[in-house]
Amino acid sequence: MTIKNSIEAKLQSLQPQFLDVVNESHLHNVPKGSESHFRVTVVSDEFDGKMLIARHRMVNKILAAEIAGSIHALVLHTMTREEWFEKSGEKNESPPCLGGSRTTQL
């Protein structure tokens, strides 16, 4: 199972109305085929009434093994159904990479 598939499977516990997991590793200075940088958009009623930090903590807890292992960067967009509809279902883009990696020598 790929890291992406693992993320998708584990986040099903939030019963998402929308889930988009994008491997953005190819945008960074990593070996071809890497699974280290992800952008996750998840829309769930589980986020109702919760502040953004609480939502991120929920996702981080679910993905603890992946974060402790192979994930180097995780961009989270966590929304309620109402927030998603207000944004017209638009996907958020990740911020541009400023360079550098674990393999960059100083």
C-alpha atoms as a PDB file:
ATOM      1  CA  MET A   1       0.000   0.000   0.000  1.00  0.00           C
ATOM      2  CA  THR A   2       1.320   3.440  -0.892  1.00  0.00           C
ATOM      3  CA  ILE A   3       1.531   6.263   1.649  1.00  0.00           C
ATOM      4  CA  LYS A   4      -1.160   8.095  -0.344  1.00  0.00           C
ATOM      5  CA  ASN A   5      -3.477   5.085  -0.139  1.00  0.00           C
ATOM      6  CA  SER A   6      -2.791   4.758   3.586  1.00  0.00           C
ATOM      7  CA  ILE A   7      -3.665   8.428   4.144  1.00  0.00           C
ATOM      8  CA  GLU A   8      -6.888   8.060   2.150  1.00  0.00           C
ATOM      9  CA  ALA A   9      -7.891   4.899   4.014  1.00  0.00           C
ATOM     10  CA  LYS A  10      -7.188   6.287   7.475  1.00  0.00           C
ATOM     11  CA  LEU A  11      -8.999   9.582   6.852  1.00  0.00           C
ATOM     12  CA  GLN A  12     -12.172   7.656   6.017  1.00  0.00           C
ATOM     13  CA  SER A  13     -12.642   7.551   9.800  1.00  0.00           C
ATOM     14  CA  LEU A  14     -13.696  11.230   9.509  1.00  0.00           C
ATOM     15  CA  GLN A  15     -16.524  10.200   7.153  1.00  0.00           C
ATOM     16  CA  PRO A  16     -15.508  12.898   4.669  1.00  0.00           C
ATOM     17  CA  GLN A  17     -17.933  14.405   2.202  1.00  0.00           C
ATOM     18  CA  PHE A  18     -14.852  15.252   0.133  1.00  0.00           C
ATOM     19  CA  LEU A  19     -11.294  13.989   0.378  1.00  0.00           C
ATOM     20  CA  ASP A  20      -8.408  14.881  -1.906  1.00  0.00           C
ATOM     21  CA  VAL A  21      -4.907  13.593  -1.184  1.00  0.00           C
ATOM     22  CA  VAL A  22      -2.229  14.850  -3.555  1.00  0.00           C
ATOM     23  CA  ASN A  23       1.353  13.646  -3.538  1.00  0.00           C
ATOM     24  CA  GLU A  24       3.356  16.806  -4.227  1.00  0.00           C
ATOM     25  CA  SER A  25       6.763  15.215  -3.696  1.00  0.00           C
ATOM     26  CA  HIS A  26       7.694  15.683  -7.351  1.00  0.00           C
ATOM     27  CA  LEU A  27       7.603  19.456  -6.742  1.00  0.00           C
ATOM     28  CA  HIS A  28      10.489  19.175  -4.285  1.00  0.00           C
ATOM     29  CA  ASN A  29      14.123  18.123  -4.264  1.00  0.00           C
ATOM     30  CA  VAL A  30      13.500  14.446  -3.548  1.00  0.00           C
ATOM     31  CA  PRO A  31      14.215  11.221  -5.450  1.00  0.00           C
ATOM     32  CA  LYS A  32      11.775  10.254  -8.198  1.00  0.00           C
ATOM     33  CA  GLY A  33       8.845   8.230  -6.871  1.00  0.00           C
ATOM     34  CA  SER A  34       9.071   9.692  -3.354  1.00  0.00           C
ATOM     35  CA  GLU A  35       6.036   9.976  -1.108  1.00  0.00           C
ATOM     36  CA  SER A  36       7.137  12.621   1.341  1.00  0.00           C
ATOM     37  CA  HIS A  37       5.117  15.793   0.599  1.00  0.00           C
ATOM     38  CA  PHE A  38       1.315  15.757   0.615  1.00  0.00           C
ATOM     39  CA  ARG A  39      -1.551  18.215   0.311  1.00  0.00           C
ATOM     40  CA  VAL A  40      -4.770  16.994   1.921  1.00  0.00           C
ATOM     41  CA  THR A  41      -8.169  18.606   1.582  1.00  0.00           C
ATOM     42  CA  VAL A  42     -10.812  17.029   3.772  1.00  0.00           C
ATOM     43  CA  VAL A  43     -14.401  18.163   4.259  1.00  0.00           C
ATOM     44  CA  SER A  44     -16.165  16.562   7.199  1.00  0.00           C
ATOM     45  CA  ASP A  45     -19.034  17.178   9.580  1.00  0.00           C
ATOM     46  CA  GLU A  46     -16.614  15.976  12.277  1.00  0.00           C
ATOM     47  CA  PHE A  47     -15.043  19.449  12.077  1.00  0.00           C
ATOM     48  CA  ASP A  48     -18.277  21.291  12.958  1.00  0.00           C
ATOM     49  CA  GLY A  49     -17.725  23.641  15.898  1.00  0.00           C
ATOM     50  CA  LYS A  50     -13.974  22.947  16.043  1.00  0.00           C
ATOM     51  CA  MET A  51     -11.242  25.530  15.622  1.00  0.00           C
ATOM     52  CA  LEU A  52      -8.697  25.015  12.847  1.00  0.00           C
ATOM     53  CA  ILE A  53      -5.981  23.859  15.258  1.00  0.00           C
ATOM     54  CA  ALA A  54      -8.311  21.186  16.681  1.00  0.00           C
ATOM     55  CA  ARG A  55      -9.104  19.946  13.177  1.00  0.00           C
ATOM     56  CA  HIS A  56      -5.423  19.700  12.313  1.00  0.00           C
ATOM     57  CA  ARG A  57      -4.729  17.866  15.553  1.00  0.00           C
ATOM     58  CA  MET A  58      -7.473  15.375  14.670  1.00  0.00           C
ATOM     59  CA  VAL A  59      -5.877  14.668  11.293  1.00  0.00           C
ATOM     60  CA  ASN A  60      -2.357  14.573  12.748  1.00  0.00           C
ATOM     61  CA  LYS A  61      -3.470  12.014  15.336  1.00  0.00           C
ATOM     62  CA  ILE A  62      -5.039   9.816  12.664  1.00  0.00           C
ATOM     63  CA  LEU A  63      -1.872  10.035  10.538  1.00  0.00           C
ATOM     64  CA  ALA A  64       0.614   9.821  13.421  1.00  0.00           C
ATOM     65  CA  ALA A  65       2.433   6.757  12.038  1.00  0.00           C
ATOM     66  CA  GLU A  66       2.881   8.320   8.604  1.00  0.00           C
ATOM     67  CA  ILE A  67       4.005  11.652  10.060  1.00  0.00           C
ATOM     68  CA  ALA A  68       6.525   9.907  12.314  1.00  0.00           C
ATOM     69  CA  GLY A  69       7.753   7.866   9.364  1.00  0.00           C
ATOM     70  CA  SER A  70       7.972   8.984   5.793  1.00  0.00           C
ATOM     71  CA  ILE A  71       5.956  12.212   5.571  1.00  0.00           C
ATOM     72  CA  HIS A  72       8.215  15.258   5.513  1.00  0.00           C
ATOM     73  CA  ALA A  73       5.554  17.886   4.737  1.00  0.00           C
ATOM     74  CA  LEU A  74       1.790  17.808   5.144  1.00  0.00           C
ATOM     75  CA  VAL A  75      -0.393  20.704   4.009  1.00  0.00           C
ATOM     76  CA  LEU A  76      -3.883  20.460   5.506  1.00  0.00           C
ATOM     77  CA  HIS A  77      -7.076  22.117   4.359  1.00  0.00           C
ATOM     78  CA  THR A  78      -9.768  21.030   6.819  1.00  0.00           C
ATOM     79  CA  MET A  79     -13.280  22.340   6.288  1.00  0.00           C
ATOM     80  CA  THR A  80     -16.834  21.807   7.347  1.00  0.00           C
ATOM     81  CA  ARG A  81     -19.406  21.153   4.651  1.00  0.00           C
ATOM     82  CA  GLU A  82     -20.658  24.737   4.998  1.00  0.00           C
ATOM     83  CA  GLU A  83     -17.149  26.180   4.583  1.00  0.00           C
ATOM     84  CA  TRP A  84     -16.590  23.996   1.532  1.00  0.00           C
ATOM     85  CA  PHE A  85     -19.768  25.240  -0.129  1.00  0.00           C
ATOM     86  CA  GLU A  86     -18.817  28.855   0.663  1.00  0.00           C
ATOM     87  CA  LYS A  87     -15.564  28.272  -1.227  1.00  0.00           C
ATOM     88  CA  SER A  88     -17.552  26.722  -4.085  1.00  0.00           C
ATOM     89  CA  GLY A  89     -15.591  23.520  -3.699  1.00  0.00           C
ATOM     90  CA  GLU A  90     -12.359  25.143  -4.862  1.00  0.00           C
ATOM     91  CA  LYS A  91      -9.105  23.390  -4.071  1.00  0.00           C
ATOM     92  CA  ASN A  92      -6.409  25.324  -2.252  1.00  0.00           C
ATOM     93  CA  GLU A  93      -2.907  25.349  -3.686  1.00  0.00           C
ATOM     94  CA  SER A  94       0.149  24.638  -1.573  1.00  0.00           C
ATOM     95  CA  PRO A  95       2.592  27.469  -0.930  1.00  0.00           C
ATOM     96  CA  PRO A  96       5.630  27.495  -3.235  1.00  0.00           C
ATOM     97  CA  CYS A  97       8.626  25.505  -2.102  1.00  0.00           C
ATOM     98  CA  LEU A  98      11.506  27.759  -1.078  1.00  0.00           C
ATOM     99  CA  GLY A  99      14.026  25.045  -1.776  1.00  0.00           C
ATOM    100  CA  GLY A 100      16.092  22.950   0.505  1.00  0.00           C
ATOM    101  CA  SER A 101      15.618  19.391   1.607  1.00  0.00           C
ATOM    102  CA  ARG A 102      17.117  16.868   3.905  1.00  0.00           C
ATOM    103  CA  THR A 103      19.727  16.196   1.234  1.00  0.00           C
ATOM    104  CA  THR A 104      20.752  19.847   0.830  1.00  0.00           C
ATOM    105  CA  GLN A 105      24.193  20.500   2.229  1.00  0.00           C
ATOM    106  CA  LEU A 106      24.901  23.788   3.930  1.00  0.00           C
END
